[in-house]
Amino acid sequence: MLLLNANQRLSPFRRAELTRVLRRATWAAARGVPPLERAHIIGVLHPQNRQRRDPANWYPSFKACVDGLVDQGVLEDDDHTRVVGPDMRLGRVVEGSRLVLHIRELPVAGRAHELQK
């Protein structure tokens, strides 16, 4: 799968097409994931080679995937009250590039003290 990179020079049509593909793929992969009120999401970029890279450049891919989680109902929205992140990391080299999301449920803001009792 082709990932979106902030440095790419794509036509708006091509960018929208790739965004739609990433969003839909995440929507499909998230079937069965229970709804979360708050989450910390880490996006791990697994590149296809060992070249130096800046994982934050793949934020457009990350954003499309998080939007797919919202579309699936895993998150009500992806605003700052519900999502901590994005935290982008570089993973191991794999054949083809891939972006893996690690989603960790967080306590609801304001109720964290109740969960610690």
N, C-alpha and C. Protein backbone atom coordinates (compact mmCIF):
# COMPACT_ATOMS: atom_id res chain seq x y z
N MET A 1 0.84 -1.18 0.00
CA MET A 1 0.00 0.00 0.00
C MET A 1 0.89 1.24 0.00
N LEU A 2 0.53 2.19 -0.81
CA LEU A 2 1.26 3.45 -0.87
C LEU A 2 0.82 4.33 0.29
N LEU A 3 1.77 4.86 1.02
CA LEU A 3 1.47 5.75 2.14
C LEU A 3 1.67 7.19 1.72
N LEU A 4 0.92 8.07 2.36
CA LEU A 4 1.05 9.50 2.10
C LEU A 4 2.20 10.08 2.91
N ASN A 5 2.96 10.94 2.27
CA ASN A 5 4.10 11.59 2.91
C ASN A 5 3.95 13.10 2.71
N ALA A 6 4.24 13.87 3.74
CA ALA A 6 4.09 15.33 3.66
C ALA A 6 4.98 15.94 2.58
N ASN A 7 6.03 15.26 2.17
CA ASN A 7 6.95 15.79 1.16
C ASN A 7 6.56 15.43 -0.27
N GLN A 8 5.55 14.60 -0.44
CA GLN A 8 5.14 14.20 -1.78
C GLN A 8 4.51 15.37 -2.53
N ARG A 9 4.72 15.42 -3.81
CA ARG A 9 4.09 16.42 -4.67
C ARG A 9 3.01 15.71 -5.48
N LEU A 10 1.86 15.55 -4.88
CA LEU A 10 0.76 14.85 -5.53
C LEU A 10 -0.32 15.84 -5.95
N SER A 11 -1.04 15.48 -6.98
CA SER A 11 -2.20 16.29 -7.35
C SER A 11 -3.24 16.15 -6.24
N PRO A 12 -4.08 17.13 -6.07
CA PRO A 12 -5.14 17.02 -5.05
C PRO A 12 -6.02 15.79 -5.26
N PHE A 13 -6.28 15.43 -6.51
CA PHE A 13 -7.08 14.24 -6.79
C PHE A 13 -6.38 12.98 -6.29
N ARG A 14 -5.10 12.83 -6.59
CA ARG A 14 -4.35 11.63 -6.17
C ARG A 14 -4.24 11.58 -4.65
N ARG A 15 -3.99 12.73 -4.01
CA ARG A 15 -3.89 12.78 -2.54
C ARG A 15 -5.23 12.34 -1.92
N ALA A 16 -6.34 12.85 -2.45
CA ALA A 16 -7.66 12.49 -1.93
C ALA A 16 -7.93 11.00 -2.13
N GLU A 17 -7.50 10.48 -3.27
CA GLU A 17 -7.70 9.05 -3.56
C GLU A 17 -6.94 8.18 -2.56
N LEU A 18 -5.67 8.51 -2.30
CA LEU A 18 -4.87 7.73 -1.34
C LEU A 18 -5.41 7.89 0.09
N THR A 19 -5.85 9.09 0.43
CA THR A 19 -6.45 9.30 1.74
C THR A 19 -7.67 8.42 1.91
N ARG A 20 -8.50 8.37 0.90
CA ARG A 20 -9.71 7.53 0.93
C ARG A 20 -9.36 6.05 1.10
N VAL A 21 -8.33 5.58 0.40
CA VAL A 21 -7.91 4.18 0.50
C VAL A 21 -7.43 3.86 1.91
N LEU A 22 -6.58 4.72 2.48
CA LEU A 22 -6.07 4.49 3.83
C LEU A 22 -7.20 4.53 4.87
N ARG A 23 -8.08 5.49 4.72
CA ARG A 23 -9.19 5.64 5.66
C ARG A 23 -10.10 4.41 5.60
N ARG A 24 -10.41 3.96 4.42
CA ARG A 24 -11.29 2.79 4.24
C ARG A 24 -10.62 1.52 4.74
N ALA A 25 -9.32 1.36 4.49
CA ALA A 25 -8.60 0.17 4.96
C ALA A 25 -8.60 0.10 6.49
N THR A 26 -8.42 1.25 7.13
CA THR A 26 -8.44 1.27 8.60
C THR A 26 -9.84 1.01 9.11
N TRP A 27 -10.83 1.58 8.45
CA TRP A 27 -12.22 1.32 8.82
C TRP A 27 -12.50 -0.18 8.82
N ALA A 28 -12.07 -0.86 7.75
CA ALA A 28 -12.30 -2.31 7.63
C ALA A 28 -11.52 -3.09 8.68
N ALA A 29 -10.28 -2.70 8.92
CA ALA A 29 -9.43 -3.41 9.89
C ALA A 29 -9.92 -3.22 11.32
N ALA A 30 -10.65 -2.13 11.58
CA ALA A 30 -11.09 -1.83 12.95
C ALA A 30 -12.44 -2.46 13.29
N ARG A 31 -13.02 -3.22 12.39
CA ARG A 31 -14.28 -3.89 12.71
C ARG A 31 -14.07 -4.77 13.93
N GLY A 32 -14.98 -4.65 14.87
CA GLY A 32 -14.88 -5.46 16.08
C GLY A 32 -14.11 -4.81 17.21
N VAL A 33 -13.43 -3.71 16.94
CA VAL A 33 -12.72 -2.99 18.01
C VAL A 33 -13.78 -2.23 18.80
N PRO A 34 -13.81 -2.41 20.13
CA PRO A 34 -14.85 -1.73 20.91
C PRO A 34 -14.63 -0.22 20.94
N PRO A 35 -15.71 0.53 21.12
CA PRO A 35 -15.58 1.99 21.19
C PRO A 35 -14.74 2.41 22.40
N LEU A 36 -13.94 3.44 22.20
CA LEU A 36 -13.09 4.00 23.25
C LEU A 36 -13.45 5.46 23.45
N GLU A 37 -13.49 5.89 24.71
CA GLU A 37 -13.75 7.31 24.97
C GLU A 37 -12.49 8.15 24.77
N ARG A 38 -11.34 7.60 25.18
CA ARG A 38 -10.05 8.30 25.01
C ARG A 38 -9.00 7.27 24.65
N ALA A 39 -8.01 7.69 23.87
CA ALA A 39 -6.96 6.75 23.47
C ALA A 39 -5.66 7.48 23.19
N HIS A 40 -4.58 6.77 23.41
CA HIS A 40 -3.25 7.21 22.99
C HIS A 40 -2.91 6.35 21.78
N ILE A 41 -2.59 6.99 20.68
CA ILE A 41 -2.31 6.25 19.45
C ILE A 41 -0.89 6.52 19.01
N ILE A 42 -0.17 5.44 18.80
CA ILE A 42 1.19 5.52 18.27
C ILE A 42 1.16 4.95 16.86
N GLY A 43 1.69 5.70 15.92
CA GLY A 43 1.81 5.22 14.55
C GLY A 43 3.25 4.80 14.31
N VAL A 44 3.44 3.53 13.98
CA VAL A 44 4.79 3.03 13.72
C VAL A 44 4.94 2.80 12.22
N LEU A 45 5.85 3.54 11.63
CA LEU A 45 6.15 3.40 10.21
C LEU A 45 7.19 2.29 10.05
N HIS A 46 6.83 1.27 9.29
CA HIS A 46 7.77 0.19 8.95
C HIS A 46 8.19 0.44 7.50
N PRO A 47 9.41 0.95 7.29
CA PRO A 47 9.84 1.27 5.93
C PRO A 47 10.27 0.03 5.15
N GLN A 48 10.44 0.20 3.85
CA GLN A 48 10.86 -0.92 3.00
C GLN A 48 12.38 -1.01 2.85
N ASN A 49 13.10 0.00 3.37
CA ASN A 49 14.56 -0.06 3.30
C ASN A 49 15.14 0.71 4.48
N ARG A 50 16.44 0.70 4.60
CA ARG A 50 17.11 1.28 5.77
C ARG A 50 17.51 2.75 5.60
N GLN A 51 16.98 3.42 4.61
CA GLN A 51 17.31 4.84 4.43
C GLN A 51 16.91 5.65 5.67
N ARG A 52 17.62 6.73 5.89
CA ARG A 52 17.23 7.64 6.97
C ARG A 52 15.90 8.28 6.61
N ARG A 53 15.05 8.46 7.60
CA ARG A 53 13.75 9.09 7.35
C ARG A 53 13.22 9.73 8.61
N ASP A 54 12.30 10.64 8.42
CA ASP A 54 11.63 11.34 9.51
C ASP A 54 10.21 10.80 9.60
N PRO A 55 9.90 9.98 10.62
CA PRO A 55 8.57 9.36 10.70
C PRO A 55 7.42 10.37 10.72
N ALA A 56 7.67 11.58 11.21
CA ALA A 56 6.60 12.59 11.25
C ALA A 56 6.14 13.00 9.86
N ASN A 57 6.95 12.77 8.84
CA ASN A 57 6.53 13.10 7.48
C ASN A 57 5.36 12.26 7.00
N TRP A 58 5.11 11.15 7.67
CA TRP A 58 4.00 10.28 7.29
C TRP A 58 2.72 10.64 8.04
N TYR A 59 2.68 11.81 8.64
CA TYR A 59 1.48 12.25 9.36
C TYR A 59 0.22 12.19 8.48
N PRO A 60 0.25 12.57 7.21
CA PRO A 60 -0.97 12.47 6.41
C PRO A 60 -1.55 11.05 6.38
N SER A 61 -0.69 10.04 6.36
CA SER A 61 -1.17 8.66 6.42
C SER A 61 -1.79 8.36 7.78
N PHE A 62 -1.09 8.80 8.83
CA PHE A 62 -1.59 8.60 10.18
C PHE A 62 -2.97 9.23 10.33
N LYS A 63 -3.13 10.47 9.88
CA LYS A 63 -4.39 11.20 10.01
C LYS A 63 -5.51 10.46 9.28
N ALA A 64 -5.24 9.97 8.08
CA ALA A 64 -6.26 9.23 7.34
C ALA A 64 -6.68 7.98 8.09
N CYS A 65 -5.73 7.30 8.72
CA CYS A 65 -6.04 6.09 9.47
C CYS A 65 -6.86 6.40 10.72
N VAL A 66 -6.51 7.46 11.43
CA VAL A 66 -7.28 7.85 12.62
C VAL A 66 -8.71 8.23 12.20
N ASP A 67 -8.86 8.90 11.08
CA ASP A 67 -10.19 9.22 10.58
C ASP A 67 -10.98 7.94 10.28
N GLY A 68 -10.30 6.90 9.82
CA GLY A 68 -10.96 5.61 9.61
C GLY A 68 -11.46 4.99 10.92
N LEU A 69 -10.71 5.21 12.01
CA LEU A 69 -11.17 4.74 13.32
C LEU A 69 -12.44 5.47 13.74
N VAL A 70 -12.49 6.77 13.46
CA VAL A 70 -13.69 7.56 13.77
C VAL A 70 -14.86 7.07 12.91
N ASP A 71 -14.60 6.83 11.62
CA ASP A 71 -15.65 6.33 10.73
C ASP A 71 -16.23 5.01 11.23
N GLN A 72 -15.39 4.16 11.80
CA GLN A 72 -15.81 2.85 12.30
C GLN A 72 -16.50 2.95 13.65
N GLY A 73 -16.38 4.09 14.34
CA GLY A 73 -17.01 4.25 15.64
C GLY A 73 -16.12 3.85 16.81
N VAL A 74 -14.85 3.58 16.53
CA VAL A 74 -13.91 3.26 17.61
C VAL A 74 -13.71 4.49 18.49
N LEU A 75 -13.64 5.65 17.86
CA LEU A 75 -13.55 6.93 18.56
C LEU A 75 -14.70 7.81 18.08
N GLU A 76 -15.27 8.59 19.01
CA GLU A 76 -16.36 9.49 18.62
C GLU A 76 -15.83 10.61 17.74
N ASP A 77 -14.62 11.07 18.05
CA ASP A 77 -13.97 12.13 17.28
C ASP A 77 -12.47 11.97 17.52
N ASP A 78 -11.66 12.70 16.77
CA ASP A 78 -10.21 12.60 16.97
C ASP A 78 -9.63 13.90 17.49
N ASP A 79 -10.45 14.65 18.24
CA ASP A 79 -9.96 15.90 18.80
C ASP A 79 -9.09 15.66 20.03
N HIS A 80 -8.55 16.74 20.59
CA HIS A 80 -7.59 16.64 21.70
C HIS A 80 -8.21 16.08 22.98
N THR A 81 -9.52 16.09 23.11
CA THR A 81 -10.13 15.54 24.32
C THR A 81 -10.24 14.02 24.28
N ARG A 82 -10.07 13.45 23.09
CA ARG A 82 -10.25 12.00 22.93
C ARG A 82 -8.99 11.27 22.49
N VAL A 83 -8.07 11.99 21.84
CA VAL A 83 -6.87 11.33 21.31
C VAL A 83 -5.62 12.05 21.79
N VAL A 84 -4.72 11.28 22.36
CA VAL A 84 -3.38 11.77 22.69
C VAL A 84 -2.47 11.29 21.57
N GLY A 85 -1.73 12.19 21.01
CA GLY A 85 -0.88 11.86 19.89
C GLY A 85 -1.11 12.89 18.80
N PRO A 86 -0.63 12.70 17.66
CA PRO A 86 -0.02 11.49 17.15
C PRO A 86 1.42 11.35 17.60
N ASP A 87 1.78 10.16 17.91
CA ASP A 87 3.17 9.83 18.22
C ASP A 87 3.66 8.91 17.12
N MET A 88 4.54 9.43 16.30
CA MET A 88 5.06 8.66 15.17
C MET A 88 6.41 8.07 15.53
N ARG A 89 6.59 6.81 15.19
CA ARG A 89 7.84 6.09 15.46
C ARG A 89 8.29 5.37 14.19
N LEU A 90 9.55 5.04 14.17
CA LEU A 90 10.11 4.26 13.07
C LEU A 90 10.28 2.83 13.54
N GLY A 91 9.74 1.89 12.78
CA GLY A 91 9.82 0.47 13.11
C GLY A 91 10.86 -0.24 12.27
N ARG A 92 10.81 -1.54 12.30
CA ARG A 92 11.77 -2.36 11.55
C ARG A 92 11.44 -2.35 10.06
N VAL A 93 12.41 -2.68 9.27
CA VAL A 93 12.25 -2.75 7.82
C VAL A 93 11.39 -3.97 7.46
N VAL A 94 10.43 -3.76 6.56
CA VAL A 94 9.57 -4.85 6.07
C VAL A 94 9.49 -4.75 4.55
N GLU A 95 9.03 -5.79 3.91
CA GLU A 95 8.84 -5.74 2.47
C GLU A 95 7.63 -4.86 2.18
N GLY A 96 7.82 -3.81 1.42
CA GLY A 96 6.77 -2.82 1.22
C GLY A 96 6.73 -1.95 2.48
N SER A 97 6.11 -0.82 2.40
CA SER A 97 5.99 0.04 3.59
C SER A 97 4.66 -0.24 4.26
N ARG A 98 4.63 -0.05 5.57
CA ARG A 98 3.35 -0.17 6.26
C ARG A 98 3.34 0.72 7.48
N LEU A 99 2.16 1.11 7.85
CA LEU A 99 1.95 1.92 9.05
C LEU A 99 1.09 1.10 9.99
N VAL A 100 1.58 0.89 11.21
CA VAL A 100 0.86 0.11 12.21
C VAL A 100 0.44 1.05 13.32
N LEU A 101 -0.84 0.99 13.68
CA LEU A 101 -1.34 1.81 14.77
C LEU A 101 -1.40 0.98 16.05
N HIS A 102 -0.85 1.52 17.12
CA HIS A 102 -0.94 0.91 18.45
C HIS A 102 -1.88 1.81 19.25
N ILE A 103 -3.01 1.26 19.65
CA ILE A 103 -4.06 2.04 20.31
C ILE A 103 -4.17 1.57 21.76
N ARG A 104 -3.99 2.52 22.67
CA ARG A 104 -4.09 2.20 24.10
C ARG A 104 -5.20 3.05 24.69
N GLU A 105 -6.15 2.38 25.34
CA GLU A 105 -7.25 3.10 25.98
C GLU A 105 -6.73 3.90 27.16
N LEU A 106 -7.23 5.11 27.30
CA LEU A 106 -6.87 5.99 28.40
C LEU A 106 -8.10 6.26 29.27
N PRO A 107 -7.88 6.56 30.56
CA PRO A 107 -9.03 6.93 31.38
C PRO A 107 -9.64 8.23 30.86
N VAL A 108 -10.92 8.37 31.06
CA VAL A 108 -11.62 9.58 30.63
C VAL A 108 -11.13 10.74 31.47
N ALA A 109 -10.84 11.87 30.84
CA ALA A 109 -10.37 13.06 31.54
C ALA A 109 -11.37 13.44 32.62
N GLY A 110 -10.86 13.74 33.81
CA GLY A 110 -11.72 14.09 34.92
C GLY A 110 -12.14 12.90 35.76
N ARG A 111 -12.01 11.69 35.20
CA ARG A 111 -12.36 10.48 35.95
C ARG A 111 -11.13 9.66 36.31
N ALA A 112 -9.97 10.15 35.95
CA ALA A 112 -8.74 9.38 36.22
C ALA A 112 -8.58 9.13 37.71
N HIS A 113 -8.93 10.10 38.56
CA HIS A 113 -8.78 9.91 40.00
C HIS A 113 -9.72 8.84 40.52
N GLU A 114 -10.89 8.65 39.89
CA GLU A 114 -11.82 7.60 40.31
C GLU A 114 -11.25 6.23 40.03
N LEU A 115 -10.54 6.07 38.91
CA LEU A 115 -9.98 4.78 38.54
C LEU A 115 -8.78 4.40 39.42
N GLN A 116 -8.14 5.39 40.03
CA GLN A 116 -6.98 5.10 40.85
C GLN A 116 -7.35 4.68 42.26
N LYS A 117 -8.58 4.90 42.67
CA LYS A 117 -9.00 4.55 44.04
C LYS A 117 -9.16 3.07 44.22
